Protein backbone atom coordinates (compact mmCIF):
# COMPACT_ATOMS: atom_id res chain seq x y z
CA MET A 1 -18.15 16.44 -8.91
CA GLY A 2 -18.20 12.52 -9.77
CA LEU A 3 -15.02 10.72 -10.65
CA GLY A 4 -15.75 10.83 -14.40
CA ARG A 5 -15.75 14.71 -13.96
CA PHE A 6 -12.69 14.44 -12.10
CA ASN A 7 -10.80 12.58 -14.23
CA ALA A 8 -11.53 14.96 -17.31
CA LEU A 9 -10.42 18.21 -15.70
CA THR A 10 -7.61 19.68 -16.60
CA ARG A 11 -4.29 19.64 -14.77
CA ASP A 12 -4.08 22.86 -13.01
CA ASP A 13 -7.44 22.50 -12.02
CA THR A 14 -6.72 18.64 -10.87
CA LEU A 15 -4.31 19.89 -8.88
CA ALA A 16 -6.31 23.50 -7.46
CA LEU A 17 -8.74 20.70 -6.23
CA LEU A 18 -6.57 18.04 -4.55
CA LEU A 19 -4.68 20.99 -2.92
CA SER A 20 -7.93 21.88 -1.51
CA CYS A 21 -7.63 18.26 0.01
CA CYS A 22 -4.67 18.02 0.86
CA GLY A 23 -1.91 21.18 0.87
CA SER A 24 0.96 19.23 -0.16
CA ARG A 25 1.99 19.94 -3.66
CA ARG A 26 3.87 16.50 -4.12
CA TRP A 27 0.87 14.92 -2.75
CA ALA A 28 -1.50 16.69 -5.53
CA GLU A 29 0.78 16.06 -8.24
CA ARG A 30 1.16 12.35 -7.54
CA VAL A 31 -2.52 11.58 -6.88
CA ALA A 32 -3.04 13.87 -10.56
CA ALA A 33 -0.29 12.12 -12.32
CA HIS A 34 -2.20 8.45 -11.48
CA ARG A 35 -5.23 9.70 -13.83
CA PRO A 36 -7.85 8.22 -14.98
CA TYR A 37 -8.76 6.66 -11.85
CA PRO A 38 -10.78 3.30 -12.68
CA ASP A 39 -13.31 4.13 -9.58
CA PRO A 40 -13.33 5.99 -6.35
CA GLU A 41 -11.19 2.84 -4.39
CA SER A 42 -8.55 3.35 -6.70
CA LEU A 43 -8.46 7.25 -6.25
CA LEU A 44 -8.43 6.99 -2.11
CA ALA A 45 -5.66 4.21 -2.66
CA ALA A 46 -3.43 6.44 -4.73
CA ALA A 47 -4.20 9.77 -1.89
CA ASP A 48 -3.61 7.26 0.97
CA GLU A 49 -0.43 6.00 -0.61
CA ALA A 50 0.37 9.35 -1.39
CA CYS A 51 0.08 10.59 1.79
CA TYR A 52 2.01 8.05 3.70
CA ASP A 53 5.26 8.82 1.44
CA LEU A 54 5.10 12.67 2.55
CA THR A 55 8.51 13.78 3.85
CA PRO A 56 8.84 15.53 7.34
CA GLY A 57 9.14 19.01 4.71
CA GLU A 58 5.62 18.07 2.90
CA LEU A 59 4.27 17.54 6.04
CA ASP A 60 4.57 20.92 7.25
CA GLU A 61 3.85 22.15 4.28
CA ALA A 62 0.14 20.46 4.30
CA LEU A 63 0.06 21.29 7.97
CA ALA A 64 0.66 24.84 7.43
CA GLU A 65 -2.27 25.06 4.52
CA GLU A 66 -4.82 23.47 7.24
CA SER A 67 -6.56 26.29 9.29
CA LEU A 68 -8.49 26.70 12.63
CA SER A 69 -11.75 27.12 12.11
CA SER A 70 -13.19 30.09 13.46
CA GLN A 71 -16.62 29.30 13.21
CA PRO A 72 -17.93 27.44 16.38
CA LEU A 73 -18.43 23.25 16.06
CA VAL A 74 -21.57 22.49 14.16
CA GLY A 75 -24.25 21.71 17.04
CA ALA A 76 -22.11 23.19 20.14
CA ARG A 77 -24.82 24.90 21.90
CA GLY A 78 -26.38 24.83 25.30
CA PRO A 79 -24.60 25.22 28.67
CA GLY A 80 -21.05 25.07 28.39
CA THR A 81 -20.35 25.74 25.24
CA LEU A 82 -18.43 29.11 25.64
CA ALA A 83 -16.57 27.86 28.25
CA ALA A 84 -16.07 24.48 25.91
CA HIS A 85 -15.01 27.17 23.36
CA THR A 86 -12.33 29.16 25.33
CA ALA A 87 -10.79 25.76 26.88
CA LEU A 88 -10.70 24.81 23.16
CA ARG A 89 -9.16 27.90 22.03
CA ALA A 90 -6.13 27.45 25.13
CA ALA A 91 -5.72 23.60 24.23
CA HIS A 92 -5.26 24.88 20.42
CA ALA A 93 -2.66 27.73 21.55
CA GLU A 94 -1.35 25.02 23.56
CA TYR A 95 -0.83 22.19 21.15
CA GLU A 96 0.74 25.30 18.70
CA ARG A 97 2.94 26.13 20.89
CA ARG A 98 4.25 22.59 21.80
CA PHE A 99 4.34 21.04 18.03
CA ARG A 100 4.17 24.62 16.12
CA HIS A 101 1.68 23.59 13.60
CA VAL A 102 -2.26 23.68 14.03
CA PHE A 103 -3.91 20.81 15.39
CA VAL A 104 -5.65 18.71 13.11
CA ILE A 105 -8.70 16.07 13.65
CA CYS A 106 -10.72 13.72 11.50
CA LEU A 107 -14.16 13.74 12.76
CA ASP A 108 -15.99 12.16 10.19
CA GLY A 109 -18.43 9.76 11.51
CA TYR A 110 -19.38 11.33 14.52
CA ARG A 111 -23.00 12.91 15.21
CA ASP A 112 -22.99 17.13 15.43
CA GLU A 113 -23.76 16.96 19.27
CA GLU A 114 -20.61 14.77 19.83
CA LEU A 115 -17.62 16.82 17.48
CA LEU A 116 -16.68 19.26 20.26
CA ASP A 117 -16.22 16.85 22.75
CA GLN A 118 -14.30 14.96 20.32
CA VAL A 119 -12.44 17.90 19.68
CA LEU A 120 -11.67 18.84 23.22
CA SER A 121 -10.77 15.06 23.82
CA GLY A 122 -8.51 14.70 21.19
CA ILE A 123 -6.13 17.70 21.70
CA ARG A 124 -5.97 17.12 25.76
CA THR A 125 -5.09 13.35 24.80
CA ARG A 126 -2.45 14.64 22.12
CA LEU A 127 -0.81 17.04 24.11
CA GLY A 128 0.96 14.14 26.00
CA ASN A 129 2.76 12.87 23.02
CA GLU A 130 6.05 13.12 22.51
CA PRO A 131 7.07 15.62 19.66
CA ASP A 132 7.87 12.60 17.06
CA GLU A 133 4.96 10.60 18.23
CA GLU A 134 2.09 13.60 17.57
CA ARG A 135 3.64 14.07 13.67
CA ALA A 136 2.95 10.48 13.15
CA VAL A 137 -0.67 10.99 14.75
CA ALA A 138 -1.32 14.22 12.62
CA ALA A 139 -0.06 12.54 9.56
CA GLU A 140 -2.35 10.08 9.87
CA GLU A 141 -5.64 12.51 10.72
CA LEU A 142 -4.13 14.59 7.62
CA ARG A 143 -4.94 11.25 5.82
CA ARG A 144 -7.87 11.00 6.96
CA LEU A 145 -8.69 14.25 6.37
CA ALA A 146 -7.98 14.26 2.47
CA ARG A 147 -9.45 10.69 2.05
CA GLY A 148 -12.54 12.08 3.23
CA ARG A 149 -12.90 15.50 1.46
CA LEU A 150 -11.83 13.42 -1.58
CA THR A 151 -14.75 11.35 -0.72
CA ARG A 152 -17.38 14.06 -0.29
CA LEU A 153 -16.27 15.53 -3.78
CA MET A 154 -16.37 11.93 -5.51
CA GLY A 155 -19.77 11.59 -3.96
CA SER A 156 -21.62 14.14 -5.82
CA GLY A 157 -21.69 13.69 -9.59
CA PRO A 158 -20.88 11.30 -12.17
């Protein structure tokens, strides 16, 4: 879309677009309120700051909007893939039982063939976290996800 078009959107369209990046209404409102942004770095800085300021309830709201993909991870093919996906589903179920929200992880920067291993490794490691520690990790992953989504939206146009 590009930054110019983002800055020119109506408030409602801006909020809808931002909510597709992070499910917290307050986050979207804070980021929208600072338009127009002079450059993409300013937009990303505002998005980061708004994520850092999420209250526990707002973090819950954002996490509730994240969904577990029903599609197999790209690049996950070959021997052992079915077993890996079965293990992943079981790990997700245990994670949600333990922490009461969906597992979120930012996979930006990994190659397709690394995605499944990264998710499996991440969820196994994070299942050992204490609930308060995991909330902080999940909040950081959510911030990274929102930042990546915004970056991709801004990267395709003037």
